Protein backbone atom coordinates (compact mmCIF):
# COMPACT_ATOMS: atom_id res chain seq x y z
CA GLY A 1 16.92 -25.70 15.55
CA ASP A 2 20.52 -26.69 16.34
CA GLN A 3 21.65 -26.18 12.74
CA ASN A 4 21.23 -22.48 13.41
CA SER A 5 22.88 -22.52 16.82
CA LEU A 6 26.05 -21.30 15.07
CA LEU A 7 24.02 -18.45 13.67
CA LYS A 8 23.00 -16.30 16.62
CA LYS A 9 22.69 -13.06 14.67
CA PHE A 10 22.54 -11.33 11.30
CA PHE A 11 24.28 -8.20 10.06
CA LEU A 12 22.03 -5.78 8.18
CA LEU A 13 23.99 -4.12 5.39
CA GLY A 14 21.30 -1.78 4.06
CA LEU A 15 22.45 1.16 6.17
CA ASN A 16 26.15 0.98 5.42
CA GLU A 17 26.12 3.91 3.00
CA THR A 18 24.35 6.26 5.39
CA ASN A 19 27.19 6.88 7.86
CA ASN A 20 27.70 10.54 6.88
CA HIS A 21 24.08 11.56 7.32
CA ARG A 22 23.31 9.35 10.29
CA PHE A 23 21.90 12.03 12.65
CA THR A 24 19.88 13.76 9.94
CA LEU A 25 18.36 10.41 9.03
CA PHE A 26 17.73 9.58 12.68
CA PHE A 27 15.74 12.79 13.24
CA LEU A 28 13.84 12.47 9.96
CA THR A 29 12.95 8.86 10.80
CA LEU A 30 11.92 9.79 14.33
CA LEU A 31 9.78 12.63 13.01
CA CYS A 32 8.21 10.32 10.43
CA TYR A 33 7.43 7.67 13.07
CA CYS A 34 5.94 10.26 15.44
CA VAL A 35 3.68 11.58 12.67
CA ILE A 36 2.63 8.02 11.77
CA LEU A 37 1.74 7.36 15.43
CA LEU A 38 -0.10 10.66 15.75
CA VAL A 39 -2.24 10.42 12.61
CA ASN A 40 -3.12 6.74 13.00
CA ILE A 41 -3.99 7.04 16.69
CA SER A 42 -6.07 10.18 15.97
CA VAL A 43 -8.17 8.37 13.37
CA ILE A 44 -8.59 5.29 15.62
CA VAL A 45 -9.62 7.36 18.65
CA THR A 46 -11.99 9.53 16.59
CA ILE A 47 -13.77 6.47 15.23
CA ILE A 48 -13.97 4.73 18.62
CA LEU A 49 -15.31 7.81 20.43
CA ASP A 50 -17.85 8.98 17.85
CA LYS A 51 -20.97 6.77 17.94
CA ASN A 52 -22.02 8.06 14.50
CA LEU A 53 -18.90 6.46 13.04
CA HIS A 54 -19.69 2.95 14.25
CA GLU A 55 -20.48 1.96 10.66
CA PRO A 56 -18.74 -0.86 8.75
CA MET A 57 -16.72 1.51 6.56
CA TYR A 58 -15.24 3.43 9.48
CA ILE A 59 -14.61 0.29 11.52
CA LEU A 60 -12.61 -1.00 8.54
CA ILE A 61 -10.67 2.27 8.35
CA CYS A 62 -9.98 1.85 12.07
CA THR A 63 -8.64 -1.69 11.49
CA PHE A 64 -6.55 -0.38 8.61
CA CYS A 65 -4.90 2.22 10.87
CA MET A 66 -4.36 -0.35 13.64
CA ASN A 67 -2.61 -2.54 11.11
CA GLY A 68 -0.42 0.42 10.13
CA LEU A 69 0.61 0.84 13.77
CA TYR A 70 1.36 -2.88 14.04
CA GLY A 71 3.53 -3.01 10.90
CA THR A 72 5.51 0.13 11.62
CA ALA A 73 6.18 -1.05 15.21
CA GLY A 74 8.08 -3.98 13.70
CA PHE A 75 10.31 -1.63 11.74
CA TYR A 76 10.88 1.90 13.10
CA PRO A 77 12.15 1.25 16.66
CA LYS A 78 14.80 -1.12 15.29
CA LEU A 79 15.77 1.28 12.48
CA LEU A 80 16.10 4.18 14.92
CA TRP A 81 18.31 2.03 17.13
CA ASP A 82 20.47 1.04 14.13
CA LEU A 83 20.90 4.63 13.00
CA LEU A 84 22.56 5.37 16.34
CA SER A 85 24.68 2.23 16.59
CA PRO A 86 27.95 1.57 14.76
CA VAL A 87 27.12 -2.07 13.91
CA HIS A 88 23.71 -3.11 12.59
CA VAL A 89 23.01 -6.48 14.14
CA ILE A 90 19.77 -8.38 14.76
CA SER A 91 19.40 -11.70 16.59
CA TYR A 92 18.25 -14.77 14.66
CA SER A 93 14.89 -14.94 16.47
CA GLY A 94 14.50 -11.15 16.29
CA CYS A 95 14.95 -11.40 12.55
CA LEU A 96 12.22 -14.03 12.20
CA VAL A 97 9.86 -11.95 14.35
CA GLN A 98 10.50 -8.93 12.11
CA VAL A 99 9.78 -11.01 9.01
CA GLN A 100 6.53 -12.23 10.58
CA VAL A 101 5.37 -8.72 11.56
CA ILE A 102 6.23 -6.96 8.30
CA ALA A 103 4.93 -9.77 6.06
CA SER A 104 1.65 -10.12 7.94
CA PHE A 105 1.26 -6.31 7.93
CA ILE A 106 1.59 -6.13 4.12
CA CYS A 107 -0.79 -9.05 3.56
CA ALA A 108 -3.31 -7.75 6.09
CA ASP A 109 -3.33 -4.37 4.35
CA LEU A 110 -4.33 -6.09 1.11
CA SER A 111 -6.94 -8.18 2.95
CA ILE A 112 -8.47 -5.13 4.61
CA LEU A 113 -8.49 -3.26 1.27
CA SER A 114 -10.37 -6.24 -0.24
CA VAL A 115 -12.95 -6.17 2.53
CA MET A 116 -13.28 -2.39 2.02
CA ALA A 117 -13.83 -2.93 -1.70
CA TYR A 118 -16.58 -5.45 -0.94
CA ASP A 119 -18.10 -3.03 1.60
CA ARG A 120 -18.14 -0.18 -0.95
CA TYR A 121 -19.62 -2.49 -3.60
CA VAL A 122 -22.53 -3.40 -1.31
CA ALA A 123 -23.00 0.22 -0.17
CA ILE A 124 -23.09 1.68 -3.68
CA CYS A 125 -24.65 -1.14 -5.74
CA ARG A 126 -27.03 -2.69 -3.21
CA PRO A 127 -27.76 0.17 -0.79
CA LEU A 128 -31.08 -1.26 0.42
CA GLU A 129 -29.53 -4.55 1.52
CA TYR A 130 -26.43 -2.89 2.95
CA HIS A 131 -27.18 -3.29 6.65
CA SER A 132 -28.39 -6.87 6.34
CA VAL A 133 -25.36 -7.86 4.23
CA MET A 134 -22.75 -5.98 6.30
CA SER A 135 -24.16 -7.09 9.65
CA LYS A 136 -22.11 -6.90 12.83
CA GLN A 137 -21.42 -10.65 12.77
CA ARG A 138 -20.24 -10.61 9.16
CA LEU A 139 -18.08 -7.55 9.80
CA ILE A 140 -16.38 -9.24 12.79
CA MET A 141 -15.85 -12.34 10.66
CA LEU A 142 -14.32 -10.32 7.80
CA VAL A 143 -12.04 -8.35 10.12
CA CYS A 144 -10.85 -11.58 11.75
CA PHE A 145 -10.24 -13.10 8.32
CA SER A 146 -8.24 -10.06 7.24
CA TRP A 147 -5.99 -10.37 10.31
CA MET A 148 -5.76 -14.12 10.95
CA THR A 149 -5.15 -15.30 7.38
CA PRO A 150 -2.11 -13.04 6.81
CA SER A 151 -0.66 -14.04 10.19
CA CYS A 152 -1.02 -17.74 9.38
CA ILE A 153 0.41 -17.36 5.88
CA ALA A 154 3.36 -15.31 7.12
CA GLY A 155 3.79 -17.85 9.93
CA ILE A 156 4.01 -20.75 7.48
CA ASN A 157 6.66 -18.88 5.44
CA VAL A 158 8.67 -18.07 8.59
CA PHE A 159 8.43 -21.65 9.85
CA LEU A 160 9.74 -23.01 6.54
CA THR A 161 12.62 -20.53 6.65
CA SER A 162 13.51 -21.49 10.23
CA ARG A 163 14.22 -25.06 9.04
CA LEU A 164 17.01 -23.98 6.68
CA LYS A 165 20.71 -24.37 7.43
CA LEU A 166 22.25 -20.97 6.64
CA CYS A 167 25.79 -20.31 5.45
CA SER A 168 26.03 -16.54 5.76
CA GLN A 169 24.89 -13.92 8.23
CA TYR A 170 24.80 -10.88 5.94
CA ILE A 171 21.46 -9.45 4.83
CA ALA A 172 21.69 -6.72 2.18
CA LYS A 173 18.66 -4.83 3.51
CA MET A 174 17.78 -2.41 6.31
CA TYR A 175 15.48 -4.99 7.87
CA CYS A 176 14.86 -8.75 7.69
CA MET A 177 12.95 -10.07 4.73
CA ASN A 178 12.00 -13.70 4.30
CA TRP A 179 13.44 -14.01 0.83
CA MET A 180 16.75 -12.48 1.92
CA ILE A 181 17.15 -15.17 4.62
CA VAL A 182 16.16 -17.98 2.23
CA LYS A 183 18.92 -16.80 -0.14
CA LEU A 184 21.50 -17.49 2.60
CA ALA A 185 20.70 -21.23 2.66
CA CYS A 186 23.70 -23.57 2.33
CA PHE A 187 21.84 -25.97 0.06
CA PRO A 188 19.63 -24.17 -2.48
CA ALA A 189 17.87 -27.50 -3.17
CA GLU A 190 16.35 -27.30 0.34
CA THR A 191 14.65 -24.03 -0.51
CA ALA A 192 12.27 -25.47 -3.14
CA VAL A 193 9.35 -25.65 -0.69
CA ASN A 194 10.05 -22.07 0.41
CA SER A 195 9.91 -20.90 -3.20
CA ILE A 196 6.67 -22.74 -3.91
CA ILE A 197 4.93 -21.40 -0.80
CA SER A 198 6.25 -17.88 -1.39
CA TYR A 199 4.93 -17.90 -4.97
CA ILE A 200 1.57 -19.25 -3.79
CA THR A 201 1.46 -16.40 -1.25
CA ILE A 202 2.29 -13.80 -3.90
CA ILE A 203 -0.35 -15.19 -6.27
CA PHE A 204 -2.95 -15.34 -3.47
CA TYR A 205 -2.40 -11.66 -2.63
CA LEU A 206 -2.13 -10.66 -6.28
CA PHE A 207 -5.66 -12.05 -6.60
CA HIS A 208 -6.66 -9.76 -3.73
CA GLY A 209 -5.24 -6.90 -5.80
CA ILE A 210 -7.10 -8.00 -8.93
CA PHE A 211 -10.33 -8.40 -6.94
CA ILE A 212 -9.96 -4.86 -5.58
CA VAL A 213 -9.25 -3.34 -9.01
CA LEU A 214 -12.15 -5.21 -10.68
CA SER A 215 -14.65 -4.31 -7.98
CA TYR A 216 -13.68 -0.64 -8.27
CA MET A 217 -13.89 -0.77 -12.08
CA TYR A 218 -17.37 -2.18 -11.70
CA LEU A 219 -18.18 0.61 -9.22
CA ILE A 220 -16.86 3.28 -11.61
CA LYS A 221 -19.16 1.87 -14.31
CA THR A 222 -22.10 1.94 -11.89
CA CYS A 223 -21.23 5.39 -10.56
CA ALA A 224 -21.17 6.97 -13.98
CA ASN A 225 -24.97 6.69 -13.86
CA SER A 226 -25.69 8.94 -10.90
CA ILE A 227 -24.12 12.06 -9.41
CA GLU A 228 -24.90 10.95 -5.85
CA ASN A 229 -23.07 7.66 -6.39
CA ARG A 230 -20.17 9.48 -8.04
CA ALA A 231 -19.74 11.68 -4.96
CA LYS A 232 -19.94 8.60 -2.74
CA PHE A 233 -17.32 6.89 -4.89
CA MET A 234 -14.87 9.80 -4.97
CA GLN A 235 -15.06 10.17 -1.20
CA THR A 236 -14.61 6.55 -0.27
CA CYS A 237 -12.99 4.62 -3.09
CA VAL A 238 -10.25 6.87 -4.44
CA PRO A 239 -8.25 6.58 -1.17
CA HIS A 240 -8.41 2.77 -1.37
CA LEU A 241 -7.10 2.80 -4.92
CA THR A 242 -4.23 5.12 -3.95
CA SER A 243 -3.28 2.79 -1.10
CA LEU A 244 -3.44 -0.23 -3.38
CA GLN A 245 -1.30 1.21 -6.14
CA PHE A 246 1.57 1.97 -3.71
CA PHE A 247 1.53 -1.59 -2.65
CA LEU A 248 1.44 -3.53 -5.85
CA VAL A 249 4.25 -1.49 -7.44
CA ASN A 250 6.35 -2.12 -4.38
CA ILE A 251 5.83 -5.82 -3.95
CA LEU A 252 6.56 -6.48 -7.62
CA PHE A 253 9.69 -4.30 -7.52
CA MET A 254 11.01 -5.92 -4.34
CA ARG A 255 10.50 -9.44 -5.57
CA PHE A 256 11.55 -9.14 -9.19
CA GLY A 257 13.39 -6.02 -10.23
CA SER A 258 15.99 -4.63 -7.86
CA LYS A 259 19.41 -5.77 -9.04
CA ASP A 260 20.70 -2.85 -11.10
CA PHE A 261 19.60 0.08 -8.97
CA PRO A 262 21.80 2.13 -6.59
CA GLN A 263 21.61 1.12 -2.90
CA ALA A 264 20.04 4.44 -1.83
CA PHE A 265 17.18 3.96 -4.29
CA LYS A 266 16.76 0.31 -3.23
CA ASN A 267 16.60 1.47 0.39
CA PHE A 268 13.91 4.00 -0.43
CA VAL A 269 11.81 1.40 -2.25
CA ALA A 270 12.41 -1.12 0.51
CA ILE A 271 10.95 1.19 3.15
CA GLU A 272 8.48 3.10 1.00
CA TYR A 273 5.52 0.91 1.97
CA LEU A 274 6.49 1.30 5.63
CA VAL A 275 6.55 5.10 5.21
CA ILE A 276 3.99 6.26 2.66
CA PRO A 277 0.86 4.15 3.26
CA PRO A 278 0.95 4.43 7.11
CA LEU A 279 1.40 8.20 6.70
CA LEU A 280 -0.96 8.87 3.81
CA ASN A 281 -3.82 6.46 4.55
CA PRO A 282 -4.85 8.00 7.87
CA LEU A 283 -4.46 11.49 6.42
CA ILE A 284 -6.63 10.71 3.41
CA TYR A 285 -9.18 8.85 5.54
CA GLY A 286 -8.87 11.46 8.28
CA PHE A 287 -9.93 14.21 5.89
CA MET A 288 -12.69 11.97 4.65
CA LEU A 289 -13.82 11.45 8.25
CA ILE A 290 -13.81 15.17 8.99
CA PHE A 291 -15.70 15.74 5.76
CA CYS A 292 -18.27 13.07 6.65
CA VAL A 293 -18.67 14.19 10.25
CA VAL A 294 -19.16 17.80 9.14
CA THR A 295 -21.49 17.12 6.21
CA ILE A 296 -23.36 13.94 7.13
CA LYS A 297 -24.34 14.79 10.70
CA PRO A 298 -26.22 18.02 9.87
CA TYR A 299 -27.69 16.30 6.78
CA SER A 300 -28.97 13.27 8.71
CA LYS A 301 -30.32 15.53 11.49
CA ALA A 302 -32.14 17.64 8.91
CA LYS A 303 -33.45 14.48 7.28
CA ARG A 304 -34.71 13.14 10.63
CA GLN A 305 -36.40 16.45 11.47
CA HIS A 306 -37.92 16.53 8.00
CA LYS A 307 -39.26 12.99 8.51
CA LYS A 308 -40.67 13.96 11.92
CA LYS A 309 -42.27 17.05 10.37
CA ASP A 310 -43.79 14.90 7.59
CA ALA A 311 -45.04 12.39 10.14
CA GLY A 312 -46.50 15.24 12.20
CA GLU A 313 -48.25 16.72 9.16
CA THR A 314 -49.69 13.31 8.19
CA MET A 315 -51.02 12.84 11.74
CA MET A 316 -52.53 16.32 11.70
CA LYS A 317 -54.17 15.65 8.32
CA GLY A 318 -55.62 12.41 9.69
CA TYR A 319 -56.83 14.33 12.74
CA ASP A 320 -58.47 17.01 10.53
CA VAL A 321 -60.26 14.36 8.48
CA LYS A 322 -61.59 12.74 11.68
CA THR A 323 -62.81 16.03 13.17
CA LYS A 324 -64.50 17.00 9.90
CA SER A 325 -66.35 13.75 9.66
């Protein structure tokens, strides 16, 4: 609106201490981003091309990696640009777009992890109903939910922030964060709605976290009973839990406990969830994929041949009985 027409841009202060090591950081960041692109795209392409992997679990892993590409695209190109420029500026609208992308990326990751938890619960605890429960329609619905809801929620937060009249253009971060913009409001009384909605959002996604942890605790209890289930659990659930733990620690730290730490440490924490999950998730799931492709294919082929052989033997037996009589 016109109250922000004075405010055409923000200055990002998070990188101010990095002047001495600028080129080193630039190349490390570039390397990191290239690896993120490589590993995520590899997993996505593998899953799309291999018909055997068109199963709910792998489709969810594919969505997870796509989300990683989406979130990091809202962060790395701008950071790389800033590392090479003397002044770290971002336009007002650019800042809101970055908030939207990064916030919806974080929320979507938690949504997708929740859907994965539900998928694993059905696969391990109700294996016979698995394909009827996780049908194609339901899977499409769940994937849409895990992308649309975060976008809408982030959108509401961004819209509320765009109404505020701001009295400063300095953001003490390497990228735009909703809460950092809200803090710049001229009249703190105006930000009450922002606070309420932001707490509702945090609580909503904290419930996602609790749901994920509880469903995995239930699975651990179930898996203790059988070795086959335990193997299934270790392969598919441990990566989800690793991904989740990165997240929750981060979100809580960013929102509540970052005043007394040195800037370099704050910077690391601020970008950790844009570095570690997009790098580690595809690697963990990638190895899992390779493992599954290598072990499951021969196993299912053997199983099919065994079934055919059994069927053949049964037919032959029936034939023998007929000829004898």
